[in-house]
Amino acid sequence: MNYNWNWGIFFDMSPEGTGTYADMLLSGLVWTIVTALCAWVIAFAIGSVVGVMRTLPSRAAQAFGNGYVELFRNIPLLVQMFLWFFVLPEVLPRAWGDWLKQLPNAPFYTAVVCLGFFTASRVAEQVRAGIQALPRGQRMAGTALGLTTAQTYRYVLLPNAYRIILPPLTSEFLNNLKNTSVALTIGLLELTARARSMQEFSFQVFEAFTAATVLYIIINLVVVTAAGFLERRVAIPGAR
């Protein structure tokens, strides 16, 4: 059985009546980018805090940080997505649960929170590794200058640690970007979901997923290029 190739399908009107199939894919691309960026803000903020907690001398802080990482890193993302979307509204007080269920764009907000907390556990591990990779003398120098623990992290340890872990942080952001495709299982119409809708409407499966693949590659190349530029800009001369 021969497959009927039709690359002009992207300019045909979609059954949704809101534009062409190309417009459908671009709409999914926008949702993918927005979801990834919003989730990354949460992931970077929480991951930085948890990563710092895992390097503090406080056993309680270390226990909390380790517990967070082990919890979110060891549960599959798909399971977490279902827990946030289907289970959480049922275990909250009835009024809160009903509010979550009726929230406009609930799949988007759920995906952002789920991806943010999941990716934060991985960012925390990167931040911990970056801080512990620094010479002990840097922490001691901060203490000798009379800096508090918070000031030592703020002005000495974290600026250098972030420079070290910029490449793995870039990889985590790319993983976060690709993990947005899991959100199609809860109804978010991101890029992969749009590609699947296109192939179901038109039966042009290869064209739909080829276009989605190309768009993912383009986004990743843009991110890698921007990260490389940032790495060169923030590099400390003579420290590499």
C-alpha atoms as a PDB file:
ATOM      1  CA  MET A   1       0.000   0.000   0.000  1.00  0.00           C
ATOM      2  CA  ASN A   2       1.481   3.342  -1.088  1.00  0.00           C
ATOM      3  CA  TYR A   3       1.394   6.405   1.136  1.00  0.00           C
ATOM      4  CA  ASN A   4      -0.022   9.551  -0.490  1.00  0.00           C
ATOM      5  CA  TRP A   5       2.393  12.351   0.314  1.00  0.00           C
ATOM      6  CA  ASN A   6       0.842  15.838   0.444  1.00  0.00           C
ATOM      7  CA  TRP A   7       3.136  18.578   1.687  1.00  0.00           C
ATOM      8  CA  GLY A   8       0.570  21.170   0.669  1.00  0.00           C
ATOM      9  CA  ILE A   9      -1.684  19.971   3.479  1.00  0.00           C
ATOM     10  CA  PHE A  10      -0.301  22.694   5.750  1.00  0.00           C
ATOM     11  CA  PHE A  11      -2.097  25.342   3.677  1.00  0.00           C
ATOM     12  CA  ASP A  12      -5.462  23.581   3.764  1.00  0.00           C
ATOM     13  CA  MET A  13      -8.112  24.812   6.179  1.00  0.00           C
ATOM     14  CA  SER A  14      -8.334  22.767   9.354  1.00  0.00           C
ATOM     15  CA  PRO A  15     -11.696  21.377  10.487  1.00  0.00           C
ATOM     16  CA  GLU A  16     -11.507  23.628  13.536  1.00  0.00           C
ATOM     17  CA  GLY A  17     -12.318  26.578  11.286  1.00  0.00           C
ATOM     18  CA  THR A  18      -9.729  28.856  12.879  1.00  0.00           C
ATOM     19  CA  GLY A  19      -7.077  28.731  10.147  1.00  0.00           C
ATOM     20  CA  THR A  20      -4.889  26.335   8.242  1.00  0.00           C
ATOM     21  CA  TYR A  21      -3.092  23.271   9.518  1.00  0.00           C
ATOM     22  CA  ALA A  22       0.061  25.395   9.656  1.00  0.00           C
ATOM     23  CA  ASP A  23      -1.757  27.822  11.957  1.00  0.00           C
ATOM     24  CA  MET A  24      -2.779  24.869  14.104  1.00  0.00           C
ATOM     25  CA  LEU A  25       0.829  23.749  14.510  1.00  0.00           C
ATOM     26  CA  LEU A  26       2.053  27.269  15.226  1.00  0.00           C
ATOM     27  CA  SER A  27      -0.623  27.647  17.899  1.00  0.00           C
ATOM     28  CA  GLY A  28       0.680  24.465  19.510  1.00  0.00           C
ATOM     29  CA  LEU A  29       4.229  25.803  19.265  1.00  0.00           C
ATOM     30  CA  VAL A  30       3.229  28.954  21.159  1.00  0.00           C
ATOM     31  CA  TRP A  31       1.648  26.904  23.955  1.00  0.00           C
ATOM     32  CA  THR A  32       4.771  24.741  24.125  1.00  0.00           C
ATOM     33  CA  ILE A  33       7.078  27.742  24.485  1.00  0.00           C
ATOM     34  CA  VAL A  34       4.884  29.573  27.003  1.00  0.00           C
ATOM     35  CA  THR A  35       4.431  26.436  29.120  1.00  0.00           C
ATOM     36  CA  ALA A  36       8.164  25.685  29.088  1.00  0.00           C
ATOM     37  CA  LEU A  37       9.147  29.238  30.036  1.00  0.00           C
ATOM     38  CA  CYS A  38       6.627  29.527  32.869  1.00  0.00           C
ATOM     39  CA  ALA A  39       7.590  26.109  34.229  1.00  0.00           C
ATOM     40  CA  TRP A  40      11.275  27.045  34.043  1.00  0.00           C
ATOM     41  CA  VAL A  41      10.730  30.147  36.192  1.00  0.00           C
ATOM     42  CA  ILE A  42       9.258  27.916  38.904  1.00  0.00           C
ATOM     43  CA  ALA A  43      11.907  25.241  38.428  1.00  0.00           C
ATOM     44  CA  PHE A  44      14.839  27.639  38.593  1.00  0.00           C
ATOM     45  CA  ALA A  45      13.537  29.484  41.655  1.00  0.00           C
ATOM     46  CA  ILE A  46      12.587  26.405  43.687  1.00  0.00           C
ATOM     47  CA  GLY A  47      15.538  24.376  42.415  1.00  0.00           C
ATOM     48  CA  SER A  48      17.988  27.066  43.480  1.00  0.00           C
ATOM     49  CA  VAL A  49      16.512  27.243  46.984  1.00  0.00           C
ATOM     50  CA  VAL A  50      16.417  23.472  47.405  1.00  0.00           C
ATOM     51  CA  GLY A  51      19.929  23.103  45.971  1.00  0.00           C
ATOM     52  CA  VAL A  52      21.271  25.648  48.450  1.00  0.00           C
ATOM     53  CA  MET A  53      19.462  23.914  51.318  1.00  0.00           C
ATOM     54  CA  ARG A  54      21.249  20.670  50.459  1.00  0.00           C
ATOM     55  CA  THR A  55      24.625  22.370  51.000  1.00  0.00           C
ATOM     56  CA  LEU A  56      23.826  24.185  54.257  1.00  0.00           C
ATOM     57  CA  PRO A  57      25.304  22.925  57.556  1.00  0.00           C
ATOM     58  CA  SER A  58      21.744  22.500  58.910  1.00  0.00           C
ATOM     59  CA  ARG A  59      20.678  18.852  59.000  1.00  0.00           C
ATOM     60  CA  ALA A  60      17.012  19.848  58.843  1.00  0.00           C
ATOM     61  CA  ALA A  61      17.607  21.876  55.678  1.00  0.00           C
ATOM     62  CA  GLN A  62      19.573  19.047  54.117  1.00  0.00           C
ATOM     63  CA  ALA A  63      16.863  16.530  55.004  1.00  0.00           C
ATOM     64  CA  PHE A  64      14.151  18.700  53.463  1.00  0.00           C
ATOM     65  CA  GLY A  65      16.189  19.273  50.299  1.00  0.00           C
ATOM     66  CA  ASN A  66      17.063  15.598  49.926  1.00  0.00           C
ATOM     67  CA  GLY A  67      13.460  14.589  50.531  1.00  0.00           C
ATOM     68  CA  TYR A  68      12.187  17.007  47.897  1.00  0.00           C
ATOM     69  CA  VAL A  69      14.648  15.792  45.276  1.00  0.00           C
ATOM     70  CA  GLU A  70      14.017  12.109  45.934  1.00  0.00           C
ATOM     71  CA  LEU A  71      10.244  12.568  45.911  1.00  0.00           C
ATOM     72  CA  PHE A  72       9.885  14.500  42.663  1.00  0.00           C
ATOM     73  CA  ARG A  73      12.791  12.934  40.793  1.00  0.00           C
ATOM     74  CA  ASN A  74      11.755   9.319  41.387  1.00  0.00           C
ATOM     75  CA  ILE A  75       8.077   9.572  40.411  1.00  0.00           C
ATOM     76  CA  PRO A  76       7.510   9.429  36.620  1.00  0.00           C
ATOM     77  CA  LEU A  77       6.438  12.742  35.127  1.00  0.00           C
ATOM     78  CA  LEU A  78       3.301  11.237  33.592  1.00  0.00           C
ATOM     79  CA  VAL A  79       2.170   9.959  37.002  1.00  0.00           C
ATOM     80  CA  GLN A  80       2.815  13.369  38.549  1.00  0.00           C
ATOM     81  CA  MET A  81       0.826  15.052  35.777  1.00  0.00           C
ATOM     82  CA  PHE A  82      -2.166  12.805  36.499  1.00  0.00           C
ATOM     83  CA  LEU A  83      -1.839  13.367  40.261  1.00  0.00           C
ATOM     84  CA  TRP A  84      -1.851  17.142  39.872  1.00  0.00           C
ATOM     85  CA  PHE A  85      -4.738  17.189  37.393  1.00  0.00           C
ATOM     86  CA  PHE A  86      -7.052  14.375  38.499  1.00  0.00           C
ATOM     87  CA  VAL A  87      -6.221  13.602  42.139  1.00  0.00           C
ATOM     88  CA  LEU A  88      -5.361  16.961  43.734  1.00  0.00           C
ATOM     89  CA  PRO A  89      -8.816  18.545  43.168  1.00  0.00           C
ATOM     90  CA  GLU A  90     -10.421  15.514  44.833  1.00  0.00           C
ATOM     91  CA  VAL A  91      -8.319  15.589  48.007  1.00  0.00           C
ATOM     92  CA  LEU A  92      -8.596  19.346  48.575  1.00  0.00           C
ATOM     93  CA  PRO A  93     -11.596  20.871  50.358  1.00  0.00           C
ATOM     94  CA  ARG A  94     -14.641  20.750  48.096  1.00  0.00           C
ATOM     95  CA  ALA A  95     -14.714  24.497  47.353  1.00  0.00           C
ATOM     96  CA  TRP A  96     -11.041  24.544  46.390  1.00  0.00           C
ATOM     97  CA  GLY A  97     -11.381  21.405  44.284  1.00  0.00           C
ATOM     98  CA  ASP A  98     -14.377  22.813  42.398  1.00  0.00           C
ATOM     99  CA  TRP A  99     -12.457  26.038  41.785  1.00  0.00           C
ATOM    100  CA  LEU A 100      -9.528  24.104  40.303  1.00  0.00           C
ATOM    101  CA  LYS A 101     -11.805  22.048  38.071  1.00  0.00           C
ATOM    102  CA  GLN A 102     -13.540  25.158  36.723  1.00  0.00           C
ATOM    103  CA  LEU A 103     -10.356  27.165  36.265  1.00  0.00           C
ATOM    104  CA  PRO A 104     -10.006  28.470  32.682  1.00  0.00           C
ATOM    105  CA  ASN A 105      -7.066  26.822  30.892  1.00  0.00           C
ATOM    106  CA  ALA A 106      -6.707  24.381  33.785  1.00  0.00           C
ATOM    107  CA  PRO A 107      -4.475  22.004  31.733  1.00  0.00           C
ATOM    108  CA  PHE A 108      -2.022  24.853  31.126  1.00  0.00           C
ATOM    109  CA  TYR A 109      -1.731  25.843  34.780  1.00  0.00           C
ATOM    110  CA  THR A 110      -1.495  22.222  35.860  1.00  0.00           C
ATOM    111  CA  ALA A 111       1.245  21.527  33.323  1.00  0.00           C
ATOM    112  CA  VAL A 112       3.218  24.596  34.402  1.00  0.00           C
ATOM    113  CA  VAL A 113       3.072  23.697  38.103  1.00  0.00           C
ATOM    114  CA  CYS A 114       3.784  20.004  37.520  1.00  0.00           C
ATOM    115  CA  LEU A 115       6.706  20.617  35.176  1.00  0.00           C
ATOM    116  CA  GLY A 116       8.022  23.360  37.449  1.00  0.00           C
ATOM    117  CA  PHE A 117       8.124  21.178  40.560  1.00  0.00           C
ATOM    118  CA  PHE A 118       9.434  18.162  38.650  1.00  0.00           C
ATOM    119  CA  THR A 119      12.229  20.075  36.906  1.00  0.00           C
ATOM    120  CA  ALA A 120      13.101  21.891  40.155  1.00  0.00           C
ATOM    121  CA  SER A 121      14.274  18.596  41.642  1.00  0.00           C
ATOM    122  CA  ARG A 122      16.724  18.224  38.774  1.00  0.00           C
ATOM    123  CA  VAL A 123      17.841  21.855  38.924  1.00  0.00           C
ATOM    124  CA  ALA A 124      18.427  21.442  42.664  1.00  0.00           C
ATOM    125  CA  GLU A 125      20.828  18.597  41.964  1.00  0.00           C
ATOM    126  CA  GLN A 126      22.712  20.761  39.467  1.00  0.00           C
ATOM    127  CA  VAL A 127      22.931  23.666  41.917  1.00  0.00           C
ATOM    128  CA  ARG A 128      24.137  21.383  44.717  1.00  0.00           C
ATOM    129  CA  ALA A 129      26.817  19.899  42.454  1.00  0.00           C
ATOM    130  CA  GLY A 130      27.905  23.350  41.303  1.00  0.00           C
ATOM    131  CA  ILE A 131      28.289  24.679  44.844  1.00  0.00           C
ATOM    132  CA  GLN A 132      30.163  21.598  46.044  1.00  0.00           C
ATOM    133  CA  ALA A 133      32.466  21.779  43.003  1.00  0.00           C
ATOM    134  CA  LEU A 134      33.804  25.141  44.190  1.00  0.00           C
ATOM    135  CA  PRO A 135      36.988  25.218  46.271  1.00  0.00           C
ATOM    136  CA  ARG A 136      36.324  25.287  50.023  1.00  0.00           C
ATOM    137  CA  GLY A 137      38.454  28.387  50.207  1.00  0.00           C
ATOM    138  CA  GLN A 138      35.704  30.478  48.616  1.00  0.00           C
ATOM    139  CA  ARG A 139      33.282  29.777  51.459  1.00  0.00           C
ATOM    140  CA  MET A 140      36.030  30.376  54.004  1.00  0.00           C
ATOM    141  CA  ALA A 141      36.971  33.646  52.303  1.00  0.00           C
ATOM    142  CA  GLY A 142      33.384  34.863  52.621  1.00  0.00           C
ATOM    143  CA  THR A 143      33.422  34.027  56.321  1.00  0.00           C
ATOM    144  CA  ALA A 144      36.777  35.776  56.754  1.00  0.00           C
ATOM    145  CA  LEU A 145      35.334  38.913  55.162  1.00  0.00           C
ATOM    146  CA  GLY A 146      32.589  38.963  57.753  1.00  0.00           C
ATOM    147  CA  LEU A 147      29.799  37.942  55.385  1.00  0.00           C
ATOM    148  CA  THR A 148      26.791  36.101  56.711  1.00  0.00           C
ATOM    149  CA  THR A 149      25.897  32.696  55.306  1.00  0.00           C
ATOM    150  CA  ALA A 150      23.228  34.260  53.096  1.00  0.00           C
ATOM    151  CA  GLN A 151      25.658  36.912  51.849  1.00  0.00           C
ATOM    152  CA  THR A 152      28.321  34.294  51.155  1.00  0.00           C
ATOM    153  CA  TYR A 153      25.909  32.374  48.952  1.00  0.00           C
ATOM    154  CA  ARG A 154      24.557  35.512  47.318  1.00  0.00           C
ATOM    155  CA  TYR A 155      27.842  37.209  46.475  1.00  0.00           C
ATOM    156  CA  VAL A 156      30.441  34.417  46.371  1.00  0.00           C
ATOM    157  CA  LEU A 157      29.156  30.879  45.890  1.00  0.00           C
ATOM    158  CA  LEU A 158      26.080  31.107  43.683  1.00  0.00           C
ATOM    159  CA  PRO A 159      27.505  33.477  41.021  1.00  0.00           C
ATOM    160  CA  ASN A 160      30.410  31.073  40.464  1.00  0.00           C
ATOM    161  CA  ALA A 161      28.272  27.937  40.761  1.00  0.00           C
ATOM    162  CA  TYR A 162      25.822  29.146  38.129  1.00  0.00           C
ATOM    163  CA  ARG A 163      28.700  29.721  35.721  1.00  0.00           C
ATOM    164  CA  ILE A 164      29.870  26.142  36.229  1.00  0.00           C
ATOM    165  CA  ILE A 165      26.459  24.546  35.770  1.00  0.00           C
ATOM    166  CA  LEU A 166      25.260  26.657  32.847  1.00  0.00           C
ATOM    167  CA  PRO A 167      25.734  23.816  30.302  1.00  0.00           C
ATOM    168  CA  PRO A 168      23.779  21.225  32.353  1.00  0.00           C
ATOM    169  CA  LEU A 169      21.139  23.857  33.121  1.00  0.00           C
ATOM    170  CA  THR A 170      20.762  24.324  29.381  1.00  0.00           C
ATOM    171  CA  SER A 171      20.184  20.589  29.025  1.00  0.00           C
ATOM    172  CA  GLU A 172      17.588  20.705  31.797  1.00  0.00           C
ATOM    173  CA  PHE A 173      15.776  23.542  30.062  1.00  0.00           C
ATOM    174  CA  LEU A 174      15.716  21.546  26.823  1.00  0.00           C
ATOM    175  CA  ASN A 175      14.358  18.540  28.730  1.00  0.00           C
ATOM    176  CA  ASN A 176      11.735  20.798  30.269  1.00  0.00           C
ATOM    177  CA  LEU A 177      10.802  22.043  26.812  1.00  0.00           C
ATOM    178  CA  LYS A 178      10.402  18.528  25.451  1.00  0.00           C
ATOM    179  CA  ASN A 179       8.552  17.337  28.548  1.00  0.00           C
ATOM    180  CA  THR A 180       5.718  19.730  27.729  1.00  0.00           C
ATOM    181  CA  SER A 181       4.541  17.048  25.299  1.00  0.00           C
ATOM    182  CA  VAL A 182       3.424  14.967  28.306  1.00  0.00           C
ATOM    183  CA  ALA A 183       0.778  17.613  28.979  1.00  0.00           C
ATOM    184  CA  LEU A 184      -1.223  16.430  25.974  1.00  0.00           C
ATOM    185  CA  THR A 185      -2.470  13.639  28.262  1.00  0.00           C
ATOM    186  CA  ILE A 186      -4.411  16.199  30.328  1.00  0.00           C
ATOM    187  CA  GLY A 187      -5.698  18.177  27.362  1.00  0.00           C
ATOM    188  CA  LEU A 188      -3.085  20.868  26.753  1.00  0.00           C
ATOM    189  CA  LEU A 189      -3.008  21.625  23.029  1.00  0.00           C
ATOM    190  CA  GLU A 190       0.759  22.009  22.735  1.00  0.00           C
ATOM    191  CA  LEU A 191       2.830  21.137  19.671  1.00  0.00           C
ATOM    192  CA  THR A 192       2.705  17.343  19.904  1.00  0.00           C
ATOM    193  CA  ALA A 193      -1.037  17.390  20.610  1.00  0.00           C
ATOM    194  CA  ARG A 194      -1.592  19.646  17.603  1.00  0.00           C
ATOM    195  CA  ALA A 195       0.470  17.367  15.377  1.00  0.00           C
ATOM    196  CA  ARG A 196      -1.584  14.404  16.501  1.00  0.00           C
ATOM    197  CA  SER A 197      -4.820  16.302  15.858  1.00  0.00           C
ATOM    198  CA  MET A 198      -3.589  17.182  12.373  1.00  0.00           C
ATOM    199  CA  GLN A 199      -2.840  13.585  11.493  1.00  0.00           C
ATOM    200  CA  GLU A 200      -6.212  12.459  12.845  1.00  0.00           C
ATOM    201  CA  PHE A 201      -8.048  15.064  10.769  1.00  0.00           C
ATOM    202  CA  SER A 202      -6.044  14.717   7.547  1.00  0.00           C
ATOM    203  CA  PHE A 203      -4.490  11.215   7.833  1.00  0.00           C
ATOM    204  CA  GLN A 204      -1.169  12.809   6.762  1.00  0.00           C
ATOM    205  CA  VAL A 205       0.773  11.379   9.687  1.00  0.00           C
ATOM    206  CA  PHE A 206       4.287  11.761   8.276  1.00  0.00           C
ATOM    207  CA  GLU A 207       3.794  15.378   7.240  1.00  0.00           C
ATOM    208  CA  ALA A 208       2.307  16.318  10.622  1.00  0.00           C
ATOM    209  CA  PHE A 209       5.025  14.808  12.773  1.00  0.00           C
ATOM    210  CA  THR A 210       7.817  15.832  10.403  1.00  0.00           C
ATOM    211  CA  ALA A 211       6.718  19.442  10.822  1.00  0.00           C
ATOM    212  CA  ALA A 212       6.538  19.028  14.606  1.00  0.00           C
ATOM    213  CA  THR A 213      10.022  17.493  14.645  1.00  0.00           C
ATOM    214  CA  VAL A 214      11.469  20.363  12.614  1.00  0.00           C
ATOM    215  CA  LEU A 215       9.880  22.919  14.946  1.00  0.00           C
ATOM    216  CA  TYR A 216      11.308  21.168  18.009  1.00  0.00           C
ATOM    217  CA  ILE A 217      14.763  21.105  16.407  1.00  0.00           C
ATOM    218  CA  ILE A 218      14.580  24.809  15.571  1.00  0.00           C
ATOM    219  CA  ILE A 219      13.604  25.711  19.145  1.00  0.00           C
ATOM    220  CA  ASN A 220      16.394  23.577  20.576  1.00  0.00           C
ATOM    221  CA  LEU A 221      18.978  25.117  18.253  1.00  0.00           C
ATOM    222  CA  VAL A 222      17.874  28.616  19.276  1.00  0.00           C
ATOM    223  CA  VAL A 223      18.173  27.702  22.967  1.00  0.00           C
ATOM    224  CA  VAL A 224      21.602  26.094  22.542  1.00  0.00           C
ATOM    225  CA  THR A 225      22.875  29.093  20.567  1.00  0.00           C
ATOM    226  CA  ALA A 226      21.574  31.561  23.149  1.00  0.00           C
ATOM    227  CA  ALA A 227      23.053  29.506  26.005  1.00  0.00           C
ATOM    228  CA  GLY A 228      26.432  29.369  24.270  1.00  0.00           C
ATOM    229  CA  PHE A 229      26.401  33.140  23.855  1.00  0.00           C
ATOM    230  CA  LEU A 230      25.439  33.605  27.517  1.00  0.00           C
ATOM    231  CA  GLU A 231      28.182  31.227  28.643  1.00  0.00           C
ATOM    232  CA  ARG A 232      30.804  33.247  26.779  1.00  0.00           C
ATOM    233  CA  ARG A 233      29.445  36.527  28.166  1.00  0.00           C
ATOM    234  CA  VAL A 234      29.513  35.481  31.827  1.00  0.00           C
ATOM    235  CA  ALA A 235      32.749  33.486  31.709  1.00  0.00           C
ATOM    236  CA  ILE A 236      35.453  34.680  34.094  1.00  0.00           C
ATOM    237  CA  PRO A 237      38.679  35.309  32.126  1.00  0.00           C
ATOM    238  CA  GLY A 238      41.292  32.681  32.947  1.00  0.00           C
ATOM    239  CA  ALA A 239      38.886  30.546  34.964  1.00  0.00           C
ATOM    240  CA  ARG A 240      38.103  27.990  32.226  1.00  0.00           C
END
